[in-house]
């Protein structure tokens, strides 16, 4: 089966609605976590502008471990509470970081990254991992991006 993403159009909210529809179609009927994480990472990486990394870190019971992603090689393991990813997982709150260099304890996996958005992934009370996006552009992400990416993360969780 081949998948062709259609170009996003309209307001940012409309673009995220279109992207969510594409993501649901891409994951429809598939229950494999790795397959859906890989395809969702590729979809988002190629659909949204000004990104240099999109991917998942999965919780292995002790720490976050890199999963499927698009971009340069990444840090393999991140402790809970450390960096933006570990903070999102520990606090259960989406982290929107306009300047990663100003974030206490930021882990610089790619020195080109300037801003970051991380959505924690929970099924009930169980930590699954995080959905992480980096940009080489300062202040790339806003509250509208957070809402759109949280909806994509929810669709991913629904596929599990």
C-alpha atoms as a PDB file:
ATOM      1  CA  UNK A   1       0.000   0.000   0.000  1.00  0.00           C
ATOM      2  CA  UNK A   2       1.345   3.425  -0.851  1.00  0.00           C
ATOM      3  CA  UNK A   3       0.360   6.590   0.966  1.00  0.00           C
ATOM      4  CA  UNK A   4       0.381  10.045  -0.533  1.00  0.00           C
ATOM      5  CA  UNK A   5       0.130  12.956   1.865  1.00  0.00           C
ATOM      6  CA  UNK A   6      -1.793  15.899   0.516  1.00  0.00           C
ATOM      7  CA  UNK A   7      -0.468  19.412   0.976  1.00  0.00           C
ATOM      8  CA  UNK A   8      -1.838  21.201   4.012  1.00  0.00           C
ATOM      9  CA  UNK A   9      -3.843  24.376   3.414  1.00  0.00           C
ATOM     10  CA  UNK A  10      -5.715  27.020   5.371  1.00  0.00           C
ATOM     11  CA  UNK A  11      -5.180  28.285   8.907  1.00  0.00           C
ATOM     12  CA  UNK A  12      -2.865  26.485  11.290  1.00  0.00           C
ATOM     13  CA  UNK A  13      -5.874  24.874  13.008  1.00  0.00           C
ATOM     14  CA  UNK A  14      -7.205  23.702   9.640  1.00  0.00           C
ATOM     15  CA  UNK A  15      -3.799  22.323   8.698  1.00  0.00           C
ATOM     16  CA  UNK A  16      -3.623  20.314  11.935  1.00  0.00           C
ATOM     17  CA  UNK A  17      -7.153  18.984  11.283  1.00  0.00           C
ATOM     18  CA  UNK A  18      -6.003  17.832   7.818  1.00  0.00           C
ATOM     19  CA  UNK A  19      -2.841  16.302   9.273  1.00  0.00           C
ATOM     20  CA  UNK A  20      -4.897  14.472  11.922  1.00  0.00           C
ATOM     21  CA  UNK A  21      -7.128  13.048   9.203  1.00  0.00           C
ATOM     22  CA  UNK A  22      -4.058  11.853   7.267  1.00  0.00           C
ATOM     23  CA  UNK A  23      -2.550  10.343  10.428  1.00  0.00           C
ATOM     24  CA  UNK A  24      -5.727   8.447  11.275  1.00  0.00           C
ATOM     25  CA  UNK A  25      -5.896   7.082   7.720  1.00  0.00           C
ATOM     26  CA  UNK A  26      -2.242   6.058   7.891  1.00  0.00           C
ATOM     27  CA  UNK A  27      -2.673   4.208  11.213  1.00  0.00           C
ATOM     28  CA  UNK A  28      -6.142   2.799  10.501  1.00  0.00           C
ATOM     29  CA  UNK A  29      -6.287  -0.902  11.302  1.00  0.00           C
ATOM     30  CA  UNK A  30      -2.648  -1.073  12.402  1.00  0.00           C
ATOM     31  CA  UNK A  31      -1.946  -1.874  16.068  1.00  0.00           C
ATOM     32  CA  UNK A  32       1.852  -2.150  16.007  1.00  0.00           C
ATOM     33  CA  UNK A  33       3.401   0.633  18.086  1.00  0.00           C
ATOM     34  CA  UNK A  34       6.664   0.750  16.165  1.00  0.00           C
ATOM     35  CA  UNK A  35       4.994   0.821  12.750  1.00  0.00           C
ATOM     36  CA  UNK A  36       2.605   3.608  13.727  1.00  0.00           C
ATOM     37  CA  UNK A  37       5.321   5.636  15.455  1.00  0.00           C
ATOM     38  CA  UNK A  38       7.560   5.341  12.388  1.00  0.00           C
ATOM     39  CA  UNK A  39       4.839   6.380   9.964  1.00  0.00           C
ATOM     40  CA  UNK A  40       3.551   9.210  12.168  1.00  0.00           C
ATOM     41  CA  UNK A  41       7.087  10.571  12.589  1.00  0.00           C
ATOM     42  CA  UNK A  42       7.610  10.565   8.815  1.00  0.00           C
ATOM     43  CA  UNK A  43       4.208  12.127   8.140  1.00  0.00           C
ATOM     44  CA  UNK A  44       4.726  15.007  10.578  1.00  0.00           C
ATOM     45  CA  UNK A  45       8.382  15.571   9.625  1.00  0.00           C
ATOM     46  CA  UNK A  46       7.473  16.004   5.960  1.00  0.00           C
ATOM     47  CA  UNK A  47       4.188  17.884   6.488  1.00  0.00           C
ATOM     48  CA  UNK A  48       5.206  20.622   8.926  1.00  0.00           C
ATOM     49  CA  UNK A  49       7.770  23.305   8.095  1.00  0.00           C
ATOM     50  CA  UNK A  50      10.906  24.209  10.037  1.00  0.00           C
ATOM     51  CA  UNK A  51      11.487  20.892  11.821  1.00  0.00           C
ATOM     52  CA  UNK A  52      14.813  19.086  12.157  1.00  0.00           C
ATOM     53  CA  UNK A  53      13.678  16.137  14.321  1.00  0.00           C
ATOM     54  CA  UNK A  54      10.360  14.370  14.932  1.00  0.00           C
ATOM     55  CA  UNK A  55      10.074  11.147  16.852  1.00  0.00           C
ATOM     56  CA  UNK A  56       9.226   9.055  19.833  1.00  0.00           C
ATOM     57  CA  UNK A  57      10.903   8.019  23.036  1.00  0.00           C
ATOM     58  CA  UNK A  58       9.321   5.001  24.715  1.00  0.00           C
ATOM     59  CA  UNK A  59       9.384   4.294  28.452  1.00  0.00           C
ATOM     60  CA  UNK A  60      11.043   0.949  29.200  1.00  0.00           C
ATOM     61  CA  UNK A  61      10.081   0.890  32.899  1.00  0.00           C
ATOM     62  CA  UNK A  62      13.143   2.879  33.978  1.00  0.00           C
ATOM     63  CA  UNK A  63      13.886   5.578  31.403  1.00  0.00           C
ATOM     64  CA  UNK A  64      12.932   6.906  27.980  1.00  0.00           C
ATOM     65  CA  UNK A  65      14.555   5.057  25.065  1.00  0.00           C
ATOM     66  CA  UNK A  66      14.656   6.421  21.525  1.00  0.00           C
ATOM     67  CA  UNK A  67      12.080   4.949  19.171  1.00  0.00           C
ATOM     68  CA  UNK A  68      11.208   5.638  15.545  1.00  0.00           C
ATOM     69  CA  UNK A  69      12.135   9.117  14.336  1.00  0.00           C
ATOM     70  CA  UNK A  70      13.039  11.347  11.398  1.00  0.00           C
ATOM     71  CA  UNK A  71      16.171  13.492  11.614  1.00  0.00           C
ATOM     72  CA  UNK A  72      19.773  13.140  12.703  1.00  0.00           C
ATOM     73  CA  UNK A  73      20.798  10.386  15.139  1.00  0.00           C
ATOM     74  CA  UNK A  74      19.460  11.071  18.624  1.00  0.00           C
ATOM     75  CA  UNK A  75      20.303  10.582  22.273  1.00  0.00           C
ATOM     76  CA  UNK A  76      19.431   6.977  23.078  1.00  0.00           C
ATOM     77  CA  UNK A  77      18.345   7.195  26.727  1.00  0.00           C
ATOM     78  CA  UNK A  78      16.795  10.014  28.762  1.00  0.00           C
ATOM     79  CA  UNK A  79      16.073   9.825  32.474  1.00  0.00           C
ATOM     80  CA  UNK A  80      12.645  10.833  33.739  1.00  0.00           C
ATOM     81  CA  UNK A  81      12.717  14.461  34.836  1.00  0.00           C
ATOM     82  CA  UNK A  82      15.794  15.259  32.696  1.00  0.00           C
ATOM     83  CA  UNK A  83      15.698  17.539  29.674  1.00  0.00           C
ATOM     84  CA  UNK A  84      12.513  18.541  27.893  1.00  0.00           C
ATOM     85  CA  UNK A  85      11.462  14.938  27.145  1.00  0.00           C
ATOM     86  CA  UNK A  86      12.053  13.702  30.678  1.00  0.00           C
ATOM     87  CA  UNK A  87      10.250  16.735  32.097  1.00  0.00           C
ATOM     88  CA  UNK A  88       7.195  16.137  29.884  1.00  0.00           C
ATOM     89  CA  UNK A  89       7.088  12.498  30.999  1.00  0.00           C
ATOM     90  CA  UNK A  90       7.535  13.324  34.699  1.00  0.00           C
ATOM     91  CA  UNK A  91       5.039  16.208  34.809  1.00  0.00           C
ATOM     92  CA  UNK A  92       2.501  14.666  32.391  1.00  0.00           C
ATOM     93  CA  UNK A  93       2.336  18.073  30.687  1.00  0.00           C
ATOM     94  CA  UNK A  94       3.167  19.114  27.143  1.00  0.00           C
ATOM     95  CA  UNK A  95       6.339  21.182  27.095  1.00  0.00           C
ATOM     96  CA  UNK A  96       6.563  24.094  24.654  1.00  0.00           C
ATOM     97  CA  UNK A  97      10.104  25.467  24.810  1.00  0.00           C
ATOM     98  CA  UNK A  98      10.786  28.611  22.738  1.00  0.00           C
ATOM     99  CA  UNK A  99      14.536  28.569  23.496  1.00  0.00           C
ATOM    100  CA  UNK A 100      16.064  25.207  24.398  1.00  0.00           C
ATOM    101  CA  UNK A 101      19.273  26.848  25.592  1.00  0.00           C
ATOM    102  CA  UNK A 102      17.260  28.610  28.315  1.00  0.00           C
ATOM    103  CA  UNK A 103      15.616  25.344  29.468  1.00  0.00           C
ATOM    104  CA  UNK A 104      17.257  24.082  32.696  1.00  0.00           C
ATOM    105  CA  UNK A 105      18.982  20.767  32.025  1.00  0.00           C
ATOM    106  CA  UNK A 106      18.301  20.745  28.290  1.00  0.00           C
ATOM    107  CA  UNK A 107      19.903  17.751  26.581  1.00  0.00           C
ATOM    108  CA  UNK A 108      21.417  18.868  23.269  1.00  0.00           C
ATOM    109  CA  UNK A 109      21.165  15.846  20.978  1.00  0.00           C
ATOM    110  CA  UNK A 110      21.329  18.060  17.874  1.00  0.00           C
ATOM    111  CA  UNK A 111      23.196  21.350  18.288  1.00  0.00           C
ATOM    112  CA  UNK A 112      21.051  22.885  15.507  1.00  0.00           C
ATOM    113  CA  UNK A 113      17.862  22.621  17.594  1.00  0.00           C
ATOM    114  CA  UNK A 114      16.643  25.950  18.979  1.00  0.00           C
ATOM    115  CA  UNK A 115      13.063  25.195  20.074  1.00  0.00           C
ATOM    116  CA  UNK A 116      11.198  22.062  21.093  1.00  0.00           C
ATOM    117  CA  UNK A 117       7.723  20.705  21.770  1.00  0.00           C
ATOM    118  CA  UNK A 118       7.191  17.439  23.655  1.00  0.00           C
ATOM    119  CA  UNK A 119       3.848  15.712  24.260  1.00  0.00           C
ATOM    120  CA  UNK A 120       3.756  13.059  27.015  1.00  0.00           C
ATOM    121  CA  UNK A 121       2.084   9.784  26.035  1.00  0.00           C
ATOM    122  CA  UNK A 122      -0.063   8.129  28.713  1.00  0.00           C
ATOM    123  CA  UNK A 123      -2.642   5.340  28.489  1.00  0.00           C
ATOM    124  CA  UNK A 124      -4.583   5.928  31.694  1.00  0.00           C
ATOM    125  CA  UNK A 125      -1.898   6.171  34.367  1.00  0.00           C
ATOM    126  CA  UNK A 126       0.668   4.200  32.348  1.00  0.00           C
ATOM    127  CA  UNK A 127       3.529   6.143  30.794  1.00  0.00           C
ATOM    128  CA  UNK A 128       4.075   4.987  27.199  1.00  0.00           C
ATOM    129  CA  UNK A 129       6.666   7.625  26.274  1.00  0.00           C
ATOM    130  CA  UNK A 130       6.819  11.023  24.601  1.00  0.00           C
ATOM    131  CA  UNK A 131       6.291  12.519  21.137  1.00  0.00           C
ATOM    132  CA  UNK A 132       9.140  14.972  20.505  1.00  0.00           C
ATOM    133  CA  UNK A 133       9.592  17.694  17.870  1.00  0.00           C
ATOM    134  CA  UNK A 134      12.657  19.908  17.458  1.00  0.00           C
ATOM    135  CA  UNK A 135      13.142  22.965  15.279  1.00  0.00           C
ATOM    136  CA  UNK A 136      16.226  24.917  14.210  1.00  0.00           C
ATOM    137  CA  UNK A 137      14.046  28.059  14.505  1.00  0.00           C
ATOM    138  CA  UNK A 138      13.707  29.810  17.885  1.00  0.00           C
ATOM    139  CA  UNK A 139      10.119  30.113  19.163  1.00  0.00           C
ATOM    140  CA  UNK A 140       8.827  27.762  16.407  1.00  0.00           C
ATOM    141  CA  UNK A 141       5.991  26.271  18.492  1.00  0.00           C
ATOM    142  CA  UNK A 142       2.950  27.900  20.079  1.00  0.00           C
ATOM    143  CA  UNK A 143      -0.235  26.847  21.902  1.00  0.00           C
ATOM    144  CA  UNK A 144      -1.929  26.026  18.586  1.00  0.00           C
ATOM    145  CA  UNK A 145       0.927  23.665  17.702  1.00  0.00           C
ATOM    146  CA  UNK A 146       0.599  22.087  21.143  1.00  0.00           C
ATOM    147  CA  UNK A 147      -3.138  21.437  20.620  1.00  0.00           C
ATOM    148  CA  UNK A 148      -2.573  20.019  17.130  1.00  0.00           C
ATOM    149  CA  UNK A 149       0.269  17.768  18.195  1.00  0.00           C
ATOM    150  CA  UNK A 150      -1.600  16.607  21.301  1.00  0.00           C
ATOM    151  CA  UNK A 151      -4.448  15.519  18.980  1.00  0.00           C
ATOM    152  CA  UNK A 152      -1.948  13.605  16.813  1.00  0.00           C
ATOM    153  CA  UNK A 153      -0.478  11.991  19.937  1.00  0.00           C
ATOM    154  CA  UNK A 154      -3.987  11.002  21.079  1.00  0.00           C
ATOM    155  CA  UNK A 155      -4.625   9.384  17.685  1.00  0.00           C
ATOM    156  CA  UNK A 156      -1.373   7.461  18.079  1.00  0.00           C
ATOM    157  CA  UNK A 157      -2.416   6.276  21.555  1.00  0.00           C
ATOM    158  CA  UNK A 158      -5.837   5.256  20.191  1.00  0.00           C
ATOM    159  CA  UNK A 159      -4.047   3.033  17.656  1.00  0.00           C
ATOM    160  CA  UNK A 160      -2.319   0.988  20.370  1.00  0.00           C
END
